[in-house]
Amino acid sequence: MSASTTAMSAGVTTMSVSITEAYAAACSSRSFEVQLLAGRVEACAEQIEAVQAKLVQLQLMAWRSPAGLAYRSKLQVQAGAVGGARDKVLDAALALRRHAVHVAESALPAAGGY
């Protein structure tokens, strides 16, 4: 092999390694960003849970009149709906966490990992 061919081959190898490293770094950064988003979604779920707790607390008040009992019944329905929304938000956060893992794993073959 000539010296110029060897130098060219080394240059291509160096360039492909740096591209691979850059790809791995970008995937790692994206994975971190997705993890941060999952954390924000989980924080929303905590806020939803706090709202649900307040609705339940209101529902537990002693409502004696027919209007009060109807209000209590509506609070129960709303607390259930809010609880369902919280569950869906937590499911979304879990999906984001799984996606972040897949994004990070996508960098492994490019970085030479197995």
Protein backbone atom coordinates (compact mmCIF):
# COMPACT_ATOMS: atom_id res chain seq x y z
CA MET A 1 0.00 0.00 0.00
CA SER A 2 1.35 3.43 -0.83
CA ALA A 3 1.92 6.09 1.77
CA SER A 4 -0.81 8.31 0.33
CA THR A 5 -3.33 5.43 0.36
CA THR A 6 -2.44 4.63 3.95
CA ALA A 7 -2.78 8.29 4.96
CA MET A 8 -6.09 8.56 3.13
CA SER A 9 -7.38 5.39 4.80
CA ALA A 10 -6.33 6.70 8.21
CA GLY A 11 -8.08 10.00 7.48
CA VAL A 12 -11.32 8.25 6.51
CA THR A 13 -11.14 6.06 9.62
CA THR A 14 -10.55 9.11 11.83
CA MET A 15 -13.41 10.96 10.17
CA SER A 16 -15.80 8.00 10.55
CA VAL A 17 -14.83 7.64 14.21
CA SER A 18 -15.46 11.34 14.84
CA ILE A 19 -18.82 11.14 13.03
CA THR A 20 -19.70 8.07 15.07
CA GLU A 21 -18.70 9.82 18.28
CA ALA A 22 -20.71 12.89 17.30
CA TYR A 23 -23.74 10.70 16.56
CA ALA A 24 -23.40 8.97 19.92
CA ALA A 25 -23.11 12.31 21.70
CA ALA A 26 -26.17 13.66 19.89
CA CYS A 27 -28.19 10.56 20.84
CA SER A 28 -27.07 10.90 24.43
CA SER A 29 -28.11 14.55 24.46
CA ARG A 30 -31.50 13.74 22.92
CA SER A 31 -32.00 10.94 25.44
CA PHE A 32 -31.28 13.37 28.27
CA GLU A 33 -33.76 15.88 26.83
CA VAL A 34 -36.45 13.20 26.62
CA GLN A 35 -35.70 12.25 30.25
CA LEU A 36 -36.16 15.90 31.25
CA LEU A 37 -39.48 16.01 29.40
CA ALA A 38 -40.58 12.83 31.20
CA GLY A 39 -39.74 14.52 34.50
CA ARG A 40 -41.87 17.54 33.61
CA VAL A 41 -44.76 15.26 32.64
CA GLU A 42 -44.41 13.42 35.97
CA ALA A 43 -44.52 16.79 37.77
CA CYS A 44 -47.79 17.51 35.95
CA ALA A 45 -49.13 14.18 37.18
CA GLU A 46 -48.27 15.20 40.75
CA GLN A 47 -50.18 18.46 40.29
CA ILE A 48 -53.15 16.54 38.90
CA GLU A 49 -53.01 14.24 41.92
CA ALA A 50 -53.12 17.28 44.22
CA VAL A 51 -56.22 18.56 42.42
CA GLN A 52 -57.82 15.13 42.75
CA ALA A 53 -57.06 15.11 46.49
CA LYS A 54 -58.74 18.50 46.88
CA LEU A 55 -61.82 17.25 45.04
CA VAL A 56 -61.98 14.20 47.29
CA GLN A 57 -61.56 16.43 50.33
CA LEU A 58 -64.50 18.58 49.19
CA GLN A 59 -66.52 15.48 48.48
CA LEU A 60 -66.02 14.25 52.06
CA MET A 61 -67.66 17.36 53.52
CA ALA A 62 -71.06 16.81 55.13
CA TRP A 63 -73.54 17.79 52.42
CA ARG A 64 -77.08 17.46 53.81
CA SER A 65 -79.29 19.31 51.34
CA PRO A 66 -80.42 17.81 48.01
CA ALA A 67 -78.31 20.40 46.18
CA GLY A 68 -75.34 19.57 48.38
CA LEU A 69 -75.75 15.86 47.72
CA ALA A 70 -75.96 16.50 43.97
CA TYR A 71 -72.80 18.64 44.21
CA ARG A 72 -71.07 15.86 46.14
CA SER A 73 -72.09 13.37 43.47
CA LYS A 74 -70.65 15.60 40.73
CA LEU A 75 -67.43 16.00 42.71
CA GLN A 76 -67.12 12.23 42.85
CA VAL A 77 -67.50 11.97 39.07
CA GLN A 78 -64.97 14.76 38.51
CA ALA A 79 -62.46 13.24 40.96
CA GLY A 80 -62.72 9.96 39.05
CA ALA A 81 -62.16 11.72 35.73
CA VAL A 82 -59.18 13.61 37.11
CA GLY A 83 -57.76 10.33 38.44
CA GLY A 84 -58.10 8.82 34.96
CA ALA A 85 -56.34 11.80 33.45
CA ARG A 86 -53.53 11.42 35.99
CA ASP A 87 -53.12 7.76 35.04
CA LYS A 88 -52.88 8.68 31.35
CA VAL A 89 -50.29 11.38 32.08
CA LEU A 90 -48.24 8.86 34.08
CA ASP A 91 -48.51 6.40 31.17
CA ALA A 92 -47.19 9.13 28.88
CA ALA A 93 -44.27 9.78 31.23
CA LEU A 94 -43.45 6.07 31.28
CA ALA A 95 -43.56 5.96 27.48
CA LEU A 96 -41.17 8.92 27.39
CA ARG A 97 -38.78 7.16 29.78
CA ARG A 98 -38.82 4.05 27.56
CA HIS A 99 -38.26 6.20 24.48
CA ALA A 100 -35.29 7.89 26.12
CA VAL A 101 -33.73 4.46 26.70
CA HIS A 102 -34.26 3.54 23.05
CA VAL A 103 -32.73 6.81 21.90
CA ALA A 104 -29.68 6.17 24.08
CA GLU A 105 -29.44 2.58 22.84
CA SER A 106 -29.55 3.74 19.22
CA ALA A 107 -26.14 5.32 19.77
CA LEU A 108 -24.51 2.08 20.97
CA PRO A 109 -23.87 0.38 17.59
CA ALA A 110 -22.62 3.66 16.17
CA ALA A 111 -20.28 4.11 19.10
CA GLY A 112 -18.94 0.59 18.81
CA GLY A 113 -20.90 -0.78 21.78
CA TYR A 114 -22.64 -4.12 21.76
